[in-house]
Amino acid sequence: MKFVIVMEQAEDTSWWVRVPDLPGCFSWGASPADAILNAEEAIRGHIGVLREHGDPVPAGLDGNQRVEIVEVAEVR
């Protein structure tokens, strides 16, 4: 399974992570690499809890999807 994560650097230089397809799934790390590893663990745990409760598990990305970042100039 593949999930998009969004990382944001905090003021103390740690990195916060959220998983848009898994509401409530958050993590962090002291570096981007740590944040990614911790996000993987958080995703596994989140999916495990969803399954325990019989809730649907989002499919995540499949091979036909990709993620890009698009920067748009401010509209005035």
C-alpha atoms as a PDB file:
ATOM      1  CA  MET A   1       0.000   0.000   0.000  1.00  0.00           C
ATOM      2  CA  LYS A   2       1.192   3.513  -0.770  1.00  0.00           C
ATOM      3  CA  PHE A   3       0.079   6.657   1.023  1.00  0.00           C
ATOM      4  CA  VAL A   4       0.926  10.295   0.520  1.00  0.00           C
ATOM      5  CA  ILE A   5       2.455  11.981   3.557  1.00  0.00           C
ATOM      6  CA  VAL A   6       2.762  15.714   4.107  1.00  0.00           C
ATOM      7  CA  MET A   7       5.784  16.845   6.115  1.00  0.00           C
ATOM      8  CA  GLU A   8       6.254  20.228   7.755  1.00  0.00           C
ATOM      9  CA  GLN A   9       9.316  21.456   9.596  1.00  0.00           C
ATOM     10  CA  ALA A  10       8.547  22.786  13.060  1.00  0.00           C
ATOM     11  CA  GLU A  11      10.280  25.746  14.680  1.00  0.00           C
ATOM     12  CA  ASP A  12      12.472  23.396  16.720  1.00  0.00           C
ATOM     13  CA  THR A  13      13.680  21.703  13.478  1.00  0.00           C
ATOM     14  CA  SER A  14      11.680  18.512  14.050  1.00  0.00           C
ATOM     15  CA  TRP A  15       9.423  17.320  11.228  1.00  0.00           C
ATOM     16  CA  TRP A  16       5.675  16.760  11.604  1.00  0.00           C
ATOM     17  CA  VAL A  17       3.843  14.358   9.319  1.00  0.00           C
ATOM     18  CA  ARG A  18       0.185  13.885   8.453  1.00  0.00           C
ATOM     19  CA  VAL A  19      -1.442  11.337   6.177  1.00  0.00           C
ATOM     20  CA  PRO A  20      -4.314  12.993   4.268  1.00  0.00           C
ATOM     21  CA  ASP A  21      -5.959   9.675   3.305  1.00  0.00           C
ATOM     22  CA  LEU A  22      -5.986   8.529   6.952  1.00  0.00           C
ATOM     23  CA  PRO A  23      -7.638  11.287   9.002  1.00  0.00           C
ATOM     24  CA  GLY A  24      -6.132  11.398  12.478  1.00  0.00           C
ATOM     25  CA  CYS A  25      -2.906   9.687  11.424  1.00  0.00           C
ATOM     26  CA  PHE A  26       0.004  11.894  12.476  1.00  0.00           C
ATOM     27  CA  SER A  27       3.647  11.384  13.349  1.00  0.00           C
ATOM     28  CA  TRP A  28       6.919  13.262  13.642  1.00  0.00           C
ATOM     29  CA  GLY A  29      10.674  12.802  13.576  1.00  0.00           C
ATOM     30  CA  ALA A  30      13.884  14.620  14.412  1.00  0.00           C
ATOM     31  CA  SER A  31      14.870  14.537  10.718  1.00  0.00           C
ATOM     32  CA  PRO A  32      12.971  13.959   7.467  1.00  0.00           C
ATOM     33  CA  ALA A  33      14.261  10.365   7.366  1.00  0.00           C
ATOM     34  CA  ASP A  34      13.099   9.732  10.950  1.00  0.00           C
ATOM     35  CA  ALA A  35       9.747  11.311  10.179  1.00  0.00           C
ATOM     36  CA  ILE A  36       9.235   9.003   7.195  1.00  0.00           C
ATOM     37  CA  LEU A  37      10.119   5.891   9.221  1.00  0.00           C
ATOM     38  CA  ASN A  38       7.808   6.976  12.032  1.00  0.00           C
ATOM     39  CA  ALA A  39       5.047   7.745   9.514  1.00  0.00           C
ATOM     40  CA  GLU A  40       5.297   4.198   8.156  1.00  0.00           C
ATOM     41  CA  GLU A  41       4.831   2.836  11.676  1.00  0.00           C
ATOM     42  CA  ALA A  42       1.929   5.229  12.336  1.00  0.00           C
ATOM     43  CA  ILE A  43       0.233   4.161   9.090  1.00  0.00           C
ATOM     44  CA  ARG A  44       0.562   0.461   9.978  1.00  0.00           C
ATOM     45  CA  GLY A  45      -0.859   1.124  13.443  1.00  0.00           C
ATOM     46  CA  HIS A  46      -3.690   3.270  12.112  1.00  0.00           C
ATOM     47  CA  ILE A  47      -4.692   0.629   9.579  1.00  0.00           C
ATOM     48  CA  GLY A  48      -4.539  -2.036  12.294  1.00  0.00           C
ATOM     49  CA  VAL A  49      -6.966  -0.062  14.469  1.00  0.00           C
ATOM     50  CA  LEU A  50      -9.307   0.519  11.517  1.00  0.00           C
ATOM     51  CA  ARG A  51      -9.375  -3.238  10.855  1.00  0.00           C
ATOM     52  CA  GLU A  52      -9.907  -4.079  14.547  1.00  0.00           C
ATOM     53  CA  HIS A  53     -12.983  -1.850  14.560  1.00  0.00           C
ATOM     54  CA  GLY A  54     -14.270  -3.147  11.228  1.00  0.00           C
ATOM     55  CA  ASP A  55     -13.864   0.260   9.607  1.00  0.00           C
ATOM     56  CA  PRO A  56     -12.973   0.569   5.920  1.00  0.00           C
ATOM     57  CA  VAL A  57      -9.296   0.935   5.076  1.00  0.00           C
ATOM     58  CA  PRO A  58      -8.542   3.468   2.331  1.00  0.00           C
ATOM     59  CA  ALA A  59      -6.809   1.869  -0.634  1.00  0.00           C
ATOM     60  CA  GLY A  60      -4.056   4.458  -0.867  1.00  0.00           C
ATOM     61  CA  LEU A  61      -2.381   5.057  -4.203  1.00  0.00           C
ATOM     62  CA  ASP A  62      -2.321   2.461  -6.931  1.00  0.00           C
ATOM     63  CA  GLY A  63       0.069   2.138  -9.842  1.00  0.00           C
ATOM     64  CA  ASN A  64      -2.006   4.481 -12.002  1.00  0.00           C
ATOM     65  CA  GLN A  65      -1.706   7.483  -9.683  1.00  0.00           C
ATOM     66  CA  ARG A  66       1.127   9.843  -8.919  1.00  0.00           C
ATOM     67  CA  VAL A  67       1.576  12.878  -6.739  1.00  0.00           C
ATOM     68  CA  GLU A  68       2.949  16.193  -7.957  1.00  0.00           C
ATOM     69  CA  ILE A  69       3.335  19.567  -6.311  1.00  0.00           C
ATOM     70  CA  VAL A  70       2.033  22.525  -8.292  1.00  0.00           C
ATOM     71  CA  GLU A  71       3.001  26.047  -7.327  1.00  0.00           C
ATOM     72  CA  VAL A  72       0.508  28.712  -8.356  1.00  0.00           C
ATOM     73  CA  ALA A  73       1.178  32.440  -8.188  1.00  0.00           C
ATOM     74  CA  GLU A  74      -1.001  34.306  -5.734  1.00  0.00           C
ATOM     75  CA  VAL A  75      -4.276  35.444  -7.302  1.00  0.00           C
ATOM     76  CA  ARG A  76      -5.068  39.080  -6.680  1.00  0.00           C
END
